[in-house]
Amino acid sequence: MIRHLVFLKFKTDVAQGAIAEIEAGLAALPGVIPEIRYYDFGRDVMRSPRSYDFALVSLFDDLDALKRYSEHPSHQAVLQKILAATEQIAAVDFETDTA
């Protein structure tokens, strides 16, 4: 299995409504992308200087499933909103035996 982690640092002037739209878009993805095995996301609560503002954790059967998710039109639509609202994105994808 592949665990997919994404960390977002929002632009300082991003509207809360834009973040809410991103959250709504992400919440809809498991219902339309069958490759998603696990999906969770949320805003940072620590707000430390080293923290990112938002994180996404998801799980896929393999790299091909992750690629199909990444290319899915619904994911691409949310990604465009994310790109418009963020100043930095970090991601890590790693193999795991645990669901």
C-alpha atoms as a PDB file:
ATOM      1  CA  MET A   1       0.000   0.000   0.000  1.00  0.00           C
ATOM      2  CA  ILE A   2       1.036   3.604  -0.550  1.00  0.00           C
ATOM      3  CA  ARG A   3       0.459   6.260   2.084  1.00  0.00           C
ATOM      4  CA  HIS A   4       0.173   9.750   0.559  1.00  0.00           C
ATOM      5  CA  LEU A   5       0.828  12.742   2.842  1.00  0.00           C
ATOM      6  CA  VAL A   6       0.377  16.354   1.750  1.00  0.00           C
ATOM      7  CA  PHE A   7       1.116  19.504   3.753  1.00  0.00           C
ATOM      8  CA  LEU A   8      -0.144  22.958   2.767  1.00  0.00           C
ATOM      9  CA  LYS A   9       1.025  26.410   3.793  1.00  0.00           C
ATOM     10  CA  PHE A  10      -1.694  28.884   2.849  1.00  0.00           C
ATOM     11  CA  LYS A  11      -0.982  32.372   1.535  1.00  0.00           C
ATOM     12  CA  THR A  12      -1.283  34.932   4.327  1.00  0.00           C
ATOM     13  CA  ASP A  13      -4.171  36.692   2.564  1.00  0.00           C
ATOM     14  CA  VAL A  14      -6.186  33.592   1.639  1.00  0.00           C
ATOM     15  CA  ALA A  15      -9.867  33.918   2.537  1.00  0.00           C
ATOM     16  CA  GLN A  16     -11.404  31.462   4.979  1.00  0.00           C
ATOM     17  CA  GLY A  17     -14.060  30.801   2.343  1.00  0.00           C
ATOM     18  CA  ALA A  18     -11.376  29.565  -0.050  1.00  0.00           C
ATOM     19  CA  ILE A  19     -10.115  27.122   2.586  1.00  0.00           C
ATOM     20  CA  ALA A  20     -13.672  25.943   3.228  1.00  0.00           C
ATOM     21  CA  GLU A  21     -14.094  25.318  -0.525  1.00  0.00           C
ATOM     22  CA  ILE A  22     -10.918  23.222  -0.518  1.00  0.00           C
ATOM     23  CA  GLU A  23     -12.201  21.230   2.448  1.00  0.00           C
ATOM     24  CA  ALA A  24     -15.550  20.626   0.752  1.00  0.00           C
ATOM     25  CA  GLY A  25     -13.833  19.559  -2.452  1.00  0.00           C
ATOM     26  CA  LEU A  26     -11.526  17.162  -0.626  1.00  0.00           C
ATOM     27  CA  ALA A  27     -14.431  15.707   1.364  1.00  0.00           C
ATOM     28  CA  ALA A  28     -16.216  14.820  -1.873  1.00  0.00           C
ATOM     29  CA  LEU A  29     -13.300  12.924  -3.434  1.00  0.00           C
ATOM     30  CA  PRO A  30     -13.710   9.551  -1.669  1.00  0.00           C
ATOM     31  CA  GLY A  31     -17.230   9.325  -3.087  1.00  0.00           C
ATOM     32  CA  VAL A  32     -16.065   9.763  -6.676  1.00  0.00           C
ATOM     33  CA  ILE A  33     -12.564   8.240  -6.774  1.00  0.00           C
ATOM     34  CA  PRO A  34     -12.712   4.498  -6.051  1.00  0.00           C
ATOM     35  CA  GLU A  35      -8.927   4.174  -5.653  1.00  0.00           C
ATOM     36  CA  ILE A  36      -9.038   5.964  -2.289  1.00  0.00           C
ATOM     37  CA  ARG A  37      -8.778   3.431   0.565  1.00  0.00           C
ATOM     38  CA  TYR A  38      -8.429   5.953   3.409  1.00  0.00           C
ATOM     39  CA  TYR A  39      -8.775   9.728   3.389  1.00  0.00           C
ATOM     40  CA  ASP A  40      -8.432  12.245   6.208  1.00  0.00           C
ATOM     41  CA  PHE A  41      -7.460  15.902   6.350  1.00  0.00           C
ATOM     42  CA  GLY A  42      -7.589  18.896   8.634  1.00  0.00           C
ATOM     43  CA  ARG A  43      -6.242  22.239   9.744  1.00  0.00           C
ATOM     44  CA  ASP A  44      -3.229  22.482  12.032  1.00  0.00           C
ATOM     45  CA  VAL A  45      -4.093  23.083  15.686  1.00  0.00           C
ATOM     46  CA  MET A  46      -0.582  23.714  17.079  1.00  0.00           C
ATOM     47  CA  ARG A  47       0.218  26.734  14.907  1.00  0.00           C
ATOM     48  CA  SER A  48       3.915  26.518  15.764  1.00  0.00           C
ATOM     49  CA  PRO A  49       6.487  28.302  13.570  1.00  0.00           C
ATOM     50  CA  ARG A  50       7.432  25.002  11.918  1.00  0.00           C
ATOM     51  CA  SER A  51       3.832  23.878  11.318  1.00  0.00           C
ATOM     52  CA  TYR A  52       2.095  23.728   8.004  1.00  0.00           C
ATOM     53  CA  ASP A  53      -1.487  25.016   7.990  1.00  0.00           C
ATOM     54  CA  PHE A  54      -3.213  21.912   6.661  1.00  0.00           C
ATOM     55  CA  ALA A  55      -2.520  18.214   6.142  1.00  0.00           C
ATOM     56  CA  LEU A  56      -3.986  15.381   4.099  1.00  0.00           C
ATOM     57  CA  VAL A  57      -3.357  11.679   4.750  1.00  0.00           C
ATOM     58  CA  SER A  58      -4.589   9.084   2.276  1.00  0.00           C
ATOM     59  CA  LEU A  59      -3.992   5.453   1.403  1.00  0.00           C
ATOM     60  CA  PHE A  60      -3.911   3.665  -1.958  1.00  0.00           C
ATOM     61  CA  ASP A  61      -3.363   0.056  -3.005  1.00  0.00           C
ATOM     62  CA  ASP A  62      -0.304   0.847  -5.129  1.00  0.00           C
ATOM     63  CA  LEU A  63       1.449   3.536  -7.172  1.00  0.00           C
ATOM     64  CA  ASP A  64      -0.875   2.984 -10.131  1.00  0.00           C
ATOM     65  CA  ALA A  65      -3.898   3.708  -7.928  1.00  0.00           C
ATOM     66  CA  LEU A  66      -2.208   6.856  -6.600  1.00  0.00           C
ATOM     67  CA  LYS A  67      -1.499   7.965 -10.166  1.00  0.00           C
ATOM     68  CA  ARG A  68      -5.134   7.414 -11.210  1.00  0.00           C
ATOM     69  CA  TYR A  69      -6.256   9.457  -8.181  1.00  0.00           C
ATOM     70  CA  SER A  70      -3.785  12.221  -9.028  1.00  0.00           C
ATOM     71  CA  GLU A  71      -5.006  12.416 -12.619  1.00  0.00           C
ATOM     72  CA  HIS A  72      -8.732  12.135 -11.846  1.00  0.00           C
ATOM     73  CA  PRO A  73     -10.639  15.249 -13.038  1.00  0.00           C
ATOM     74  CA  SER A  74     -12.284  15.755  -9.625  1.00  0.00           C
ATOM     75  CA  HIS A  75      -8.882  15.719  -7.917  1.00  0.00           C
ATOM     76  CA  GLN A  76      -7.502  18.093 -10.536  1.00  0.00           C
ATOM     77  CA  ALA A  77     -10.347  20.554  -9.870  1.00  0.00           C
ATOM     78  CA  VAL A  78      -9.574  20.622  -6.137  1.00  0.00           C
ATOM     79  CA  LEU A  79      -5.857  20.836  -6.857  1.00  0.00           C
ATOM     80  CA  GLN A  80      -6.387  24.032  -8.854  1.00  0.00           C
ATOM     81  CA  LYS A  81      -8.085  25.608  -5.827  1.00  0.00           C
ATOM     82  CA  ILE A  82      -5.237  24.415  -3.605  1.00  0.00           C
ATOM     83  CA  LEU A  83      -2.597  25.872  -5.922  1.00  0.00           C
ATOM     84  CA  ALA A  84      -4.381  29.236  -5.943  1.00  0.00           C
ATOM     85  CA  ALA A  85      -4.548  29.357  -2.129  1.00  0.00           C
ATOM     86  CA  THR A  86      -1.108  28.087  -1.118  1.00  0.00           C
ATOM     87  CA  GLU A  87       2.400  29.433  -1.013  1.00  0.00           C
ATOM     88  CA  GLN A  88       3.988  26.059  -0.285  1.00  0.00           C
ATOM     89  CA  ILE A  89       3.067  22.392  -0.699  1.00  0.00           C
ATOM     90  CA  ALA A  90       5.048  19.410   0.563  1.00  0.00           C
ATOM     91  CA  ALA A  91       4.234  15.781  -0.136  1.00  0.00           C
ATOM     92  CA  VAL A  92       5.593  12.377   0.827  1.00  0.00           C
ATOM     93  CA  ASP A  93       4.491   9.031  -0.603  1.00  0.00           C
ATOM     94  CA  PHE A  94       5.766   5.849   1.027  1.00  0.00           C
ATOM     95  CA  GLU A  95       5.085   2.150   1.049  1.00  0.00           C
ATOM     96  CA  THR A  96       3.400   0.741   4.134  1.00  0.00           C
ATOM     97  CA  ASP A  97       2.058  -2.593   5.338  1.00  0.00           C
ATOM     98  CA  THR A  98      -0.469  -0.989   7.655  1.00  0.00           C
ATOM     99  CA  ALA A  99      -3.862   0.366   6.710  1.00  0.00           C
END
